[in-house]
Structure formats: structure tokens, C-alpha cells
Amino acid sequence: MDISYKDILQDITVDFFTNEVTAIIGTNGVGKTTLARILCKSISCTHGKIIGEMPFYIMQDADYQLFGTSVQAELEIADHKIKQKDIQDVMDYFQLTKYADTHPFSLSGGQKQRIQVALGILSNRKVIIFDEPTSGLDLLSMRRVAREIQELKKKACVIVISHDYEFIRHISDRVLYLKNKTIRKDIPLDKEHLSEFNQIFMEMRDEK
């Protein structure tokens, strides 16, 4: 894609690929979530166009994305073709089974986040975007999410917006660094580029 959006994002030229986890990083307010919303076509770019399948977008604030009257009902929304066994397996994995009949709004922030990740897994979309997926999660839940993202990339393109250094290092194949309205860096996250990745985080810290 090659897009711009108002005065927030300019000349964003990038492609995303199946079997790859791409982390989008940058300081607060740089346009990371705006880019995700453009990819999902919830807002229109002012120049250029998006080509490809509609992603499944897991928002940072779960309250804007949960609509079911129970956890079970919420997960059934993900895909009308989904099997009950698959829903049960995901609930078991994320320790949500005991909340199957509980209204999502009565759960904690971390539990809501786990529901959202479960929705992404069950959606069967070819592109899945996670916006700050570790927000509100304990260490055990974070590790589960990391494992599931690694599984998801086997059949999908996964895009992760995050400020979590360790999480990004653990899950990502590639990093996009947004700065000054555009993609400042687009690097593979491997040993050869680790020092460059570390420098980006130091730069972001200094700009806070």
C-alpha cells in the first residue's frame, strides 16, 4: 500500500506478508492506531488505497469490541462456521471456561483482553491486528498470547502494535518504526539488526 492520512501519516508505503509477525512501534500519538484503523478501513486514507483482505482488529480498549451477553456468546460471534469444540478449546487454553456464562463487562481488564485474543484466533481471518495485546495481562497470560501469535502466523499475517520491548523481541520477525508521520525504519528483527532495534527504543525513550 501507498497511503497518506490528513496531517498524521504521509507517504506510508509498506506491504505485509503471511507467515510473518510485524511489530509497529513509535512514541505515543505518532499514528500507530490510526494506521491500524486505515488498514481495517474504519477510516479512509486521504491519498492512496488499501489492497487486500479485511483484517480482524483487536482493539486496545476491549470495552469497544465486546458485544455478547456472555463469554460463550461473544466467542460465537467470531465466525458463524466455527465449531463448538474450537470455542471450548480456546476457552480452556485461556482459562475462560469458568466464565462461559458470565457477561464480559463484569470481568477484569486482563480477562477481557484474553477474550479479544481468543476472538482473533477463532476469526479465521488472513490478517490479524493486535493493538497493545499485553495491556492488562499477567506474565502467564502474556506468554500464552505470545505462543498463540506464533501459531497464528503459520496461517495469517499478524501485525502487532506494542511498546513492550521484551514482547516485541519474543514474537516479531520485522519492525516498522513510525516517526515524523512516516515509516522511519523497516527492519527484520534478527541478530544482525538487534543493535539497530535497541537504538530505536533508546530514541523513543529519550523522546518521552
Protein backbone atom coordinates (compact mmCIF):
# COMPACT_ATOMS: atom_id res chain seq x y z
CA MET A 1 0.00 0.00 0.00
CA ASP A 2 0.99 3.63 -0.52
CA ILE A 3 -1.17 5.98 1.56
CA SER A 4 -1.40 9.28 3.42
CA TYR A 5 -3.91 10.44 6.04
CA LYS A 6 -4.51 14.11 6.76
CA ASP A 7 -1.52 15.61 8.60
CA ILE A 8 -0.90 12.47 10.63
CA LEU A 9 0.58 9.94 8.19
CA GLN A 10 2.42 10.81 4.98
CA ASP A 11 3.73 8.57 2.20
CA ILE A 12 3.26 5.27 4.03
CA THR A 13 4.48 2.62 1.61
CA VAL A 14 4.52 -0.90 3.03
CA ASP A 15 3.48 -4.49 2.37
CA PHE A 16 2.56 -7.12 4.93
CA PHE A 17 3.04 -10.86 4.49
CA THR A 18 1.57 -14.15 5.64
CA ASN A 19 3.80 -16.21 7.98
CA GLU A 20 5.25 -13.01 9.43
CA VAL A 21 4.70 -11.04 12.63
CA THR A 22 5.28 -7.32 12.08
CA ALA A 23 5.54 -5.01 15.09
CA ILE A 24 4.59 -1.37 14.60
CA ILE A 25 6.36 0.85 17.12
CA GLY A 26 6.72 4.55 17.81
CA THR A 27 6.04 7.11 20.51
CA ASN A 28 2.50 7.91 21.68
CA GLY A 29 0.49 9.91 19.17
CA VAL A 30 2.66 9.08 16.16
CA GLY A 31 -0.19 7.38 14.30
CA LYS A 32 0.14 3.65 15.01
CA THR A 33 -3.52 3.08 15.84
CA THR A 34 -4.55 5.43 13.03
CA LEU A 35 -2.62 3.22 10.62
CA ALA A 36 -4.36 0.14 12.01
CA ARG A 37 -7.77 1.76 11.55
CA ILE A 38 -6.89 2.66 7.97
CA LEU A 39 -5.88 -0.96 7.31
CA CYS A 40 -9.28 -2.03 8.67
CA LYS A 41 -11.00 0.63 6.54
CA SER A 42 -12.77 2.08 9.57
CA ILE A 43 -11.33 5.41 8.41
CA SER A 44 -10.40 6.32 4.84
CA CYS A 45 -6.96 7.46 3.80
CA THR A 46 -6.82 10.86 2.11
CA HIS A 47 -4.43 9.55 -0.55
CA GLY A 48 -3.91 6.07 -1.97
CA LYS A 49 -5.80 2.88 -1.21
CA ILE A 50 -5.59 -0.35 0.74
CA ILE A 51 -5.39 -3.61 -1.20
CA GLY A 52 -6.05 -6.94 0.48
CA GLU A 53 -8.41 -8.74 2.80
CA MET A 54 -10.22 -7.07 5.68
CA PRO A 55 -8.20 -7.64 8.88
CA PHE A 56 -9.54 -8.69 12.25
CA TYR A 57 -8.64 -5.80 14.57
CA ILE A 58 -8.20 -6.43 18.28
CA MET A 59 -8.57 -3.02 19.93
CA GLN A 60 -6.57 -1.73 22.86
CA ASP A 61 -9.77 -0.95 24.80
CA ALA A 62 -11.80 -4.16 24.97
CA ASP A 63 -15.00 -2.37 26.04
CA TYR A 64 -15.42 -1.04 22.50
CA GLN A 65 -15.29 -4.52 20.99
CA LEU A 66 -17.27 -6.82 23.27
CA PHE A 67 -20.95 -7.24 22.36
CA GLY A 68 -22.03 -10.69 23.56
CA THR A 69 -24.20 -11.33 26.62
CA SER A 70 -21.71 -13.96 27.82
CA VAL A 71 -18.17 -15.06 27.08
CA GLN A 72 -19.52 -18.07 25.17
CA ALA A 73 -21.84 -15.87 23.09
CA GLU A 74 -19.02 -13.42 22.45
CA LEU A 75 -16.75 -16.11 21.00
CA GLU A 76 -19.55 -17.46 18.82
CA ILE A 77 -19.63 -14.06 17.08
CA ALA A 78 -16.10 -14.59 15.71
CA ASP A 79 -17.17 -16.81 12.80
CA HIS A 80 -20.59 -18.36 12.12
CA LYS A 81 -18.88 -21.51 10.78
CA ILE A 82 -16.92 -22.12 13.94
CA LYS A 83 -17.26 -25.41 15.80
CA GLN A 84 -18.23 -25.51 19.45
CA LYS A 85 -15.21 -27.70 20.16
CA ASP A 86 -12.92 -24.99 18.84
CA ILE A 87 -14.59 -22.43 21.10
CA GLN A 88 -14.26 -24.77 24.07
CA ASP A 89 -10.59 -25.46 23.31
CA VAL A 90 -9.79 -21.74 23.17
CA MET A 91 -11.72 -21.04 26.39
CA ASP A 92 -9.81 -23.85 28.11
CA TYR A 93 -6.48 -22.56 26.82
CA PHE A 94 -7.08 -19.00 28.02
CA GLN A 95 -8.70 -20.14 31.28
CA LEU A 96 -12.06 -18.62 30.35
CA THR A 97 -14.22 -21.75 30.68
CA LYS A 98 -15.50 -20.90 34.15
CA TYR A 99 -16.66 -17.53 32.79
CA ALA A 100 -18.54 -19.05 29.81
CA ASP A 101 -21.92 -17.78 31.08
CA THR A 102 -20.55 -14.54 32.54
CA HIS A 103 -21.16 -11.17 30.90
CA PRO A 104 -17.82 -9.88 29.53
CA PHE A 105 -18.30 -6.43 31.07
CA SER A 106 -18.19 -7.94 34.56
CA LEU A 107 -14.68 -9.33 34.00
CA SER A 108 -11.33 -7.72 34.69
CA GLY A 109 -9.35 -5.86 32.04
CA GLY A 110 -6.93 -8.76 31.62
CA GLN A 111 -9.77 -11.26 31.23
CA LYS A 112 -11.41 -9.06 28.59
CA GLN A 113 -8.10 -8.88 26.76
CA ARG A 114 -7.92 -12.68 26.74
CA ILE A 115 -11.41 -12.81 25.21
CA GLN A 116 -10.28 -10.46 22.43
CA VAL A 117 -7.24 -12.59 21.66
CA ALA A 118 -9.47 -15.67 21.61
CA LEU A 119 -11.74 -13.86 19.12
CA GLY A 120 -8.77 -13.20 16.86
CA ILE A 121 -7.78 -16.87 16.95
CA LEU A 122 -11.32 -18.02 16.14
CA SER A 123 -11.93 -15.44 13.41
CA ASN A 124 -10.00 -17.35 10.71
CA ARG A 125 -9.01 -14.03 9.09
CA LYS A 126 -5.92 -13.85 6.91
CA VAL A 127 -4.77 -10.61 8.57
CA ILE A 128 -4.98 -10.01 12.32
CA ILE A 129 -4.00 -6.76 14.05
CA PHE A 130 -3.30 -6.66 17.78
CA ASP A 131 -3.27 -3.19 19.37
CA GLU A 132 -1.27 -3.40 22.63
CA PRO A 133 -2.21 -7.07 23.27
CA THR A 134 -0.23 -7.31 26.52
CA SER A 135 -2.05 -4.42 28.19
CA GLY A 136 -3.52 -5.59 31.49
CA LEU A 137 -2.15 -9.14 31.19
CA ASP A 138 -0.17 -11.01 33.81
CA LEU A 139 3.05 -12.80 32.81
CA LEU A 140 1.37 -16.19 32.28
CA SER A 141 -1.34 -14.74 30.05
CA MET A 142 1.27 -12.73 28.14
CA ARG A 143 3.19 -15.91 27.39
CA ARG A 144 0.00 -17.60 26.16
CA VAL A 145 -0.69 -14.68 23.82
CA ALA A 146 2.90 -14.83 22.53
CA ARG A 147 2.54 -18.55 21.81
CA GLU A 148 -0.78 -18.05 20.04
CA ILE A 149 0.62 -15.25 17.89
CA GLN A 150 3.42 -17.60 16.80
CA GLU A 151 0.78 -20.19 15.89
CA LEU A 152 -1.38 -17.63 14.09
CA LYS A 153 1.45 -16.54 11.82
CA LYS A 154 1.54 -20.04 10.33
CA LYS A 155 -1.74 -19.26 8.56
CA ALA A 156 -2.06 -15.47 8.70
CA CYS A 157 -0.33 -12.13 8.52
CA VAL A 158 -0.04 -10.78 12.08
CA ILE A 159 0.51 -7.10 12.88
CA VAL A 160 1.21 -6.05 16.47
CA ILE A 161 1.20 -2.52 17.87
CA SER A 162 3.16 -2.50 21.11
CA HIS A 163 5.51 -0.60 23.41
CA ASP A 164 6.60 -3.81 25.17
CA TYR A 165 10.27 -4.37 24.30
CA GLU A 166 10.54 -7.95 25.54
CA PHE A 167 7.24 -8.97 23.96
CA ILE A 168 8.23 -7.50 20.60
CA ARG A 169 11.61 -9.23 20.67
CA HIS A 170 9.96 -12.54 21.51
CA ILE A 171 7.27 -12.56 18.80
CA SER A 172 8.35 -10.32 15.92
CA ASP A 173 10.01 -11.10 12.61
CA ARG A 174 10.01 -7.48 11.48
CA VAL A 175 9.70 -3.99 12.96
CA LEU A 176 8.21 -0.84 11.46
CA TYR A 177 9.24 2.34 13.27
CA LEU A 178 6.86 5.26 12.79
CA LYS A 179 8.29 8.72 13.28
CA ASN A 180 7.60 12.17 11.84
CA LYS A 181 4.43 10.98 10.06
CA THR A 182 6.10 8.19 8.09
CA ILE A 183 7.93 4.86 8.34
CA ARG A 184 11.40 5.82 9.52
CA LYS A 185 12.71 2.25 9.70
CA ASP A 186 11.59 -1.10 8.30
CA ILE A 187 13.94 -3.81 9.56
CA PRO A 188 13.96 -7.56 10.17
CA LEU A 189 14.23 -8.40 13.84
CA ASP A 190 17.25 -10.67 13.80
CA LYS A 191 20.69 -10.74 15.39
CA GLU A 192 22.15 -8.59 12.66
CA HIS A 193 19.64 -5.78 13.29
CA LEU A 194 19.28 -6.12 17.07
CA SER A 195 21.53 -3.15 17.86
CA GLU A 196 19.51 -1.00 15.46
CA PHE A 197 16.30 -2.15 17.15
CA ASN A 198 17.76 -1.30 20.57
CA GLN A 199 18.76 2.13 19.29
CA ILE A 200 15.18 2.78 18.18
CA PHE A 201 13.91 2.02 21.68
CA MET A 202 16.52 4.30 23.22
CA GLU A 203 15.46 7.05 20.82
CA MET A 204 11.79 6.52 21.74
CA ARG A 205 12.63 6.64 25.45
CA ASP A 206 14.53 9.89 25.04
CA GLU A 207 11.57 11.47 23.23
CA LYS A 208 9.07 10.75 26.01
